[in-house]
Amino acid sequence: MMMYNAKQEQYLKVKVETASPGELTLLLYQEMVKSLQKAKQLFSQSQLDEMKRCIYKVRDILNELTITLNMDYAIARELHDLYMFYQRHLTNFIINRNEQLLDDVLEFAREMAETWKQALLIVRKGGQHASV
C-alpha cells in the first residue's frame, strides 16, 4: 500500500508540474469535490476531527483560487464573491453541522469542475492554451 501511495504522489506531482494554469484550476476544483465527499462521509461517521481537516483543505483551495484571480475582469469579481460565499458556508457548517451547507458547496465544486473540464476541451479543440 505504501508503494502505491508513493507512486500516486509522484504521478500527481508530475501532473501538477506539467499542467497549464487552466488544468491546475480544474485539478483544484476536482480536489475540492473529493475533499467535500470525504468530509460528508466522515461527518456521517461522526469523525469530526478528520472531517474538519477535509473542510480546511477545501478552504485552502478556495483561498488559492481567490488569490489567483485577475480582478481586472468582471468574472473574476463574481468568482471572488462566490468563493467568499462558499467560505462562509463552510464556516457555518463547522459551527452548525447543517449538512445542507456542505451539499451546497459540493454542488458548486462539481459544477465548476465540469465547467472547467468543458472549457479546456473547447480550448484544446481550438488549438489554444488555456490560461486563467
Protein backbone atom coordinates (compact mmCIF):
# COMPACT_ATOMS: atom_id res chain seq x y z
CA MET A 1 0.00 0.00 0.00
CA MET A 2 2.84 2.40 0.81
CA MET A 3 4.47 1.92 -2.61
CA TYR A 4 1.16 2.62 -4.34
CA ASN A 5 0.76 5.88 -2.41
CA ALA A 6 4.32 6.93 -3.25
CA LYS A 7 3.74 6.22 -6.95
CA GLN A 8 0.39 8.01 -6.84
CA GLU A 9 2.00 11.04 -5.20
CA GLN A 10 4.81 11.06 -7.79
CA TYR A 11 2.25 10.88 -10.61
CA LEU A 12 0.27 13.77 -9.11
CA LYS A 13 3.47 15.80 -8.65
CA VAL A 14 4.38 15.37 -12.34
CA LYS A 15 0.79 16.10 -13.36
CA VAL A 16 0.77 19.38 -11.41
CA GLU A 17 4.25 20.43 -12.56
CA THR A 18 3.34 19.96 -16.23
CA ALA A 19 -0.21 21.33 -16.12
CA SER A 20 -1.32 24.58 -17.70
CA PRO A 21 -2.96 27.20 -15.46
CA GLY A 22 -6.37 26.06 -16.72
CA GLU A 23 -5.56 22.44 -15.95
CA LEU A 24 -4.35 23.42 -12.48
CA THR A 25 -7.65 25.18 -11.84
CA LEU A 26 -9.50 22.04 -12.90
CA LEU A 27 -7.33 19.95 -10.55
CA LEU A 28 -8.18 22.31 -7.68
CA TYR A 29 -11.92 22.01 -8.33
CA GLN A 30 -11.62 18.23 -8.61
CA GLU A 31 -9.73 18.10 -5.31
CA MET A 32 -12.47 20.23 -3.73
CA VAL A 33 -15.07 17.68 -4.84
CA LYS A 34 -13.01 14.79 -3.48
CA SER A 35 -12.37 16.51 -0.14
CA LEU A 36 -16.02 17.52 0.28
CA GLN A 37 -17.20 13.97 -0.47
CA LYS A 38 -14.73 12.68 2.11
CA ALA A 39 -15.94 15.30 4.62
CA LYS A 40 -19.54 14.16 4.12
CA GLN A 41 -18.53 10.55 4.67
CA LEU A 42 -16.59 11.41 7.82
CA PHE A 43 -19.47 13.59 9.08
CA SER A 44 -21.88 10.67 8.69
CA GLN A 45 -19.44 8.52 10.70
CA SER A 46 -19.08 11.22 13.40
CA GLN A 47 -15.33 11.50 12.73
CA LEU A 48 -15.40 15.23 13.25
CA ASP A 49 -11.67 15.95 13.59
CA GLU A 50 -10.89 14.22 10.28
CA MET A 51 -13.91 15.91 8.73
CA LYS A 52 -12.61 19.32 9.80
CA ARG A 53 -9.26 18.58 8.13
CA CYS A 54 -11.09 17.97 4.85
CA ILE A 55 -13.08 21.19 5.29
CA TYR A 56 -9.89 23.16 6.00
CA LYS A 57 -8.34 21.71 2.86
CA VAL A 58 -11.32 22.95 0.84
CA ARG A 59 -10.99 26.37 2.46
CA ASP A 60 -7.30 26.42 1.48
CA ILE A 61 -8.27 25.58 -2.10
CA LEU A 62 -10.84 28.38 -2.16
CA ASN A 63 -8.17 30.75 -0.83
CA GLU A 64 -5.76 29.65 -3.56
CA LEU A 65 -8.43 30.15 -6.22
CA THR A 66 -9.20 33.58 -4.79
CA ILE A 67 -5.62 34.88 -4.79
CA THR A 68 -5.08 33.82 -8.40
CA LEU A 69 -8.00 35.89 -9.71
CA ASN A 70 -7.22 38.78 -12.05
CA MET A 71 -9.58 41.41 -10.65
CA ASP A 72 -9.41 43.46 -13.86
CA TYR A 73 -12.24 41.29 -15.16
CA ALA A 74 -15.87 41.28 -14.02
CA ILE A 75 -15.98 37.47 -13.99
CA ALA A 76 -13.10 37.45 -11.50
CA ARG A 77 -15.01 39.74 -9.16
CA GLU A 78 -18.05 37.46 -9.46
CA LEU A 79 -15.94 34.39 -8.73
CA HIS A 80 -14.39 36.19 -5.75
CA ASP A 81 -17.85 36.80 -4.33
CA LEU A 82 -18.80 33.14 -4.91
CA TYR A 83 -15.64 31.88 -3.24
CA MET A 84 -16.30 34.09 -0.22
CA PHE A 85 -19.93 32.93 -0.11
CA TYR A 86 -18.87 29.28 -0.02
CA GLN A 87 -16.12 30.02 2.52
CA ARG A 88 -18.87 31.32 4.80
CA HIS A 89 -20.92 28.17 4.08
CA LEU A 90 -18.01 26.02 5.24
CA THR A 91 -17.54 28.09 8.39
CA ASN A 92 -21.26 27.89 9.15
CA PHE A 93 -21.22 24.13 8.55
CA ILE A 94 -18.41 23.65 11.06
CA ILE A 95 -20.36 25.70 13.62
CA ASN A 96 -23.93 24.48 12.95
CA ARG A 97 -23.38 21.00 11.45
CA ASN A 98 -26.12 21.67 8.87
CA GLU A 99 -25.28 19.16 6.13
CA GLN A 100 -27.19 21.17 3.51
CA LEU A 101 -24.43 23.78 3.67
CA LEU A 102 -21.87 21.12 2.80
CA ASP A 103 -24.10 19.84 -0.01
CA ASP A 104 -24.34 23.36 -1.44
CA VAL A 105 -20.55 23.72 -1.55
CA LEU A 106 -20.20 20.26 -3.09
CA GLU A 107 -22.73 21.11 -5.81
CA PHE A 108 -20.83 24.33 -6.57
CA ALA A 109 -17.49 22.46 -6.75
CA ARG A 110 -18.95 19.78 -9.05
CA GLU A 111 -20.43 22.40 -11.37
CA MET A 112 -17.18 24.37 -11.51
CA ALA A 113 -15.14 21.22 -12.19
CA GLU A 114 -17.46 20.27 -15.03
CA THR A 115 -17.43 23.81 -16.45
CA TRP A 116 -13.61 23.92 -16.42
CA LYS A 117 -13.42 20.45 -17.96
CA GLN A 118 -15.68 21.56 -20.80
CA ALA A 119 -13.81 24.85 -21.24
CA LEU A 120 -10.47 23.04 -21.50
CA LEU A 121 -11.91 20.69 -24.14
CA ILE A 122 -13.13 23.67 -26.17
CA VAL A 123 -9.76 25.39 -25.89
CA ARG A 124 -7.89 22.23 -26.89
CA LYS A 125 -10.10 21.79 -29.95
CA GLY A 126 -9.34 25.38 -30.90
CA GLY A 127 -5.61 24.71 -30.57
CA GLN A 128 -5.13 27.42 -27.95
CA HIS A 129 -3.63 27.17 -24.47
CA ALA A 130 -5.95 27.63 -21.53
CA SER A 131 -4.92 30.23 -19.00
CA VAL A 132 -6.61 31.84 -16.05
